Amino acid sequence: MTAQELFDLGQEHRRNKRFGEAINAFRAAADSPDATPEIISRSQASVELIQEINGFVNTDLMNP
């Protein structure tokens, strides 16, 4: 698969809330030999966003 196809696959997984698979696809897109600087940057940003969302904890809701 090309870097663009892997990136698109990552977006599809993210839309379907399959975050682990999305991260794998984004990382594969960034590591692909045909990855452009834009795809690398967007893939890395997508991985960081997913990790930030999954790690979010609202302490106000946890400590009533």
N, C-alpha and C. Protein backbone atom coordinates (compact mmCIF):
# COMPACT_ATOMS: atom_id res chain seq x y z
N MET A 1 0.84 -1.19 0.00
CA MET A 1 0.00 0.00 0.00
C MET A 1 0.88 1.25 0.00
N THR A 2 0.38 2.29 -0.58
CA THR A 2 1.12 3.55 -0.59
C THR A 2 0.91 4.28 0.73
N ALA A 3 1.73 5.28 0.95
CA ALA A 3 1.61 6.08 2.17
C ALA A 3 0.23 6.75 2.24
N GLN A 4 -0.24 7.25 1.10
CA GLN A 4 -1.56 7.90 1.08
C GLN A 4 -2.67 6.91 1.39
N GLU A 5 -2.58 5.71 0.86
CA GLU A 5 -3.59 4.68 1.14
C GLU A 5 -3.57 4.29 2.61
N LEU A 6 -2.39 4.19 3.19
CA LEU A 6 -2.29 3.86 4.62
C LEU A 6 -2.85 4.99 5.48
N PHE A 7 -2.58 6.23 5.07
CA PHE A 7 -3.12 7.37 5.82
C PHE A 7 -4.64 7.38 5.74
N ASP A 8 -5.18 7.14 4.54
CA ASP A 8 -6.64 7.08 4.38
C ASP A 8 -7.25 5.95 5.21
N LEU A 9 -6.56 4.82 5.26
CA LEU A 9 -7.01 3.70 6.08
C LEU A 9 -7.03 4.10 7.56
N GLY A 10 -6.01 4.81 8.00
CA GLY A 10 -5.98 5.29 9.38
C GLY A 10 -7.15 6.20 9.69
N GLN A 11 -7.48 7.08 8.75
CA GLN A 11 -8.62 7.97 8.96
C GLN A 11 -9.93 7.19 9.06
N GLU A 12 -10.06 6.18 8.21
CA GLU A 12 -11.27 5.35 8.26
C GLU A 12 -11.37 4.62 9.60
N HIS A 13 -10.27 4.05 10.07
CA HIS A 13 -10.28 3.37 11.37
C HIS A 13 -10.62 4.36 12.48
N ARG A 14 -10.06 5.57 12.41
CA ARG A 14 -10.36 6.57 13.44
C ARG A 14 -11.84 6.93 13.44
N ARG A 15 -12.42 7.11 12.26
CA ARG A 15 -13.85 7.43 12.17
C ARG A 15 -14.71 6.32 12.77
N ASN A 16 -14.24 5.08 12.64
CA ASN A 16 -14.99 3.93 13.17
C ASN A 16 -14.58 3.54 14.58
N LYS A 17 -13.81 4.42 15.21
CA LYS A 17 -13.39 4.27 16.62
C LYS A 17 -12.54 3.03 16.85
N ARG A 18 -11.77 2.62 15.84
CA ARG A 18 -10.80 1.53 15.99
C ARG A 18 -9.43 2.19 16.12
N PHE A 19 -9.19 2.73 17.32
CA PHE A 19 -8.04 3.60 17.52
C PHE A 19 -6.70 2.88 17.42
N GLY A 20 -6.62 1.66 17.92
CA GLY A 20 -5.37 0.91 17.82
C GLY A 20 -4.98 0.66 16.37
N GLU A 21 -5.96 0.26 15.57
CA GLU A 21 -5.71 0.02 14.16
C GLU A 21 -5.38 1.31 13.43
N ALA A 22 -6.02 2.41 13.85
CA ALA A 22 -5.74 3.71 13.24
C ALA A 22 -4.29 4.13 13.50
N ILE A 23 -3.85 3.96 14.74
CA ILE A 23 -2.47 4.32 15.08
C ILE A 23 -1.49 3.49 14.26
N ASN A 24 -1.75 2.20 14.13
CA ASN A 24 -0.87 1.34 13.34
C ASN A 24 -0.81 1.81 11.89
N ALA A 25 -1.95 2.17 11.32
CA ALA A 25 -1.98 2.62 9.92
C ALA A 25 -1.26 3.95 9.76
N PHE A 26 -1.47 4.87 10.70
CA PHE A 26 -0.80 6.17 10.61
C PHE A 26 0.72 6.01 10.74
N ARG A 27 1.15 5.15 11.63
CA ARG A 27 2.60 4.92 11.78
C ARG A 27 3.18 4.27 10.53
N ALA A 28 2.44 3.34 9.94
CA ALA A 28 2.90 2.70 8.71
C ALA A 28 2.97 3.72 7.58
N ALA A 29 2.01 4.63 7.53
CA ALA A 29 2.03 5.67 6.50
C ALA A 29 3.26 6.56 6.65
N ALA A 30 3.57 6.94 7.87
CA ALA A 30 4.73 7.81 8.12
C ALA A 30 6.04 7.09 7.80
N ASP A 31 6.08 5.79 8.00
CA ASP A 31 7.30 5.01 7.77
C ASP A 31 7.43 4.51 6.33
N SER A 32 6.40 4.70 5.54
CA SER A 32 6.40 4.21 4.17
C SER A 32 7.48 4.92 3.34
N PRO A 33 8.15 4.20 2.45
CA PRO A 33 9.21 4.81 1.64
C PRO A 33 8.73 5.95 0.75
N ASP A 34 7.45 5.94 0.37
CA ASP A 34 6.95 7.01 -0.50
C ASP A 34 6.22 8.12 0.26
N ALA A 35 6.38 8.14 1.58
CA ALA A 35 5.70 9.16 2.40
C ALA A 35 6.28 10.54 2.12
N THR A 36 5.39 11.49 1.88
CA THR A 36 5.80 12.88 1.70
C THR A 36 5.91 13.53 3.08
N PRO A 37 6.58 14.66 3.17
CA PRO A 37 6.65 15.36 4.46
C PRO A 37 5.26 15.70 5.02
N GLU A 38 4.31 15.99 4.14
CA GLU A 38 2.96 16.29 4.60
C GLU A 38 2.29 15.06 5.22
N ILE A 39 2.42 13.92 4.59
CA ILE A 39 1.81 12.70 5.13
C ILE A 39 2.48 12.33 6.45
N ILE A 40 3.79 12.47 6.52
CA ILE A 40 4.50 12.17 7.77
C ILE A 40 3.99 13.07 8.89
N SER A 41 3.89 14.36 8.61
CA SER A 41 3.44 15.32 9.62
C SER A 41 2.00 15.05 10.05
N ARG A 42 1.12 14.83 9.07
CA ARG A 42 -0.28 14.59 9.39
C ARG A 42 -0.47 13.27 10.13
N SER A 43 0.31 12.26 9.76
CA SER A 43 0.22 10.97 10.44
C SER A 43 0.66 11.09 11.90
N GLN A 44 1.77 11.77 12.12
CA GLN A 44 2.27 11.95 13.48
C GLN A 44 1.28 12.75 14.32
N ALA A 45 0.69 13.78 13.74
CA ALA A 45 -0.30 14.58 14.46
C ALA A 45 -1.53 13.75 14.80
N SER A 46 -1.94 12.88 13.89
CA SER A 46 -3.10 12.03 14.13
C SER A 46 -2.85 11.05 15.27
N VAL A 47 -1.64 10.47 15.29
CA VAL A 47 -1.29 9.55 16.38
C VAL A 47 -1.31 10.29 17.71
N GLU A 48 -0.71 11.47 17.75
CA GLU A 48 -0.68 12.25 18.99
C GLU A 48 -2.09 12.60 19.45
N LEU A 49 -2.97 12.96 18.52
CA LEU A 49 -4.34 13.31 18.86
C LEU A 49 -5.08 12.11 19.46
N ILE A 50 -4.95 10.96 18.83
CA ILE A 50 -5.61 9.76 19.35
C ILE A 50 -5.09 9.43 20.75
N GLN A 51 -3.78 9.51 20.94
CA GLN A 51 -3.21 9.21 22.25
C GLN A 51 -3.68 10.22 23.30
N GLU A 52 -3.81 11.48 22.90
CA GLU A 52 -4.28 12.51 23.84
C GLU A 52 -5.74 12.25 24.22
N ILE A 53 -6.55 11.91 23.24
CA ILE A 53 -7.97 11.64 23.50
C ILE A 53 -8.12 10.41 24.40
N ASN A 54 -7.38 9.35 24.10
CA ASN A 54 -7.48 8.13 24.89
C ASN A 54 -6.94 8.29 26.29
N GLY A 55 -6.02 9.22 26.49
CA GLY A 55 -5.43 9.43 27.80
C GLY A 55 -6.13 10.49 28.63
N PHE A 56 -7.17 11.13 28.07
CA PHE A 56 -7.86 12.21 28.76
C PHE A 56 -8.61 11.68 29.98
N VAL A 57 -8.43 12.36 31.08
CA VAL A 57 -9.15 12.02 32.31
C VAL A 57 -9.71 13.32 32.89
N ASN A 58 -11.01 13.34 33.12
CA ASN A 58 -11.63 14.49 33.75
C ASN A 58 -11.65 14.25 35.25
N THR A 59 -10.73 14.89 35.95
CA THR A 59 -10.61 14.65 37.39
C THR A 59 -11.84 15.13 38.16
N ASP A 60 -12.55 16.10 37.63
CA ASP A 60 -13.76 16.58 38.32
C ASP A 60 -14.84 15.50 38.34
N LEU A 61 -14.91 14.71 37.29
CA LEU A 61 -15.90 13.64 37.26
C LEU A 61 -15.48 12.46 38.13
N MET A 62 -14.19 12.30 38.32
CA MET A 62 -13.69 11.16 39.10
C MET A 62 -13.69 11.44 40.60
N ASN A 63 -13.73 12.71 40.99
CA ASN A 63 -13.68 13.08 42.41
C ASN A 63 -14.89 13.95 42.76
N PRO A 64 -16.04 13.35 42.91
CA PRO A 64 -17.25 14.16 43.20
C PRO A 64 -17.22 14.80 44.58
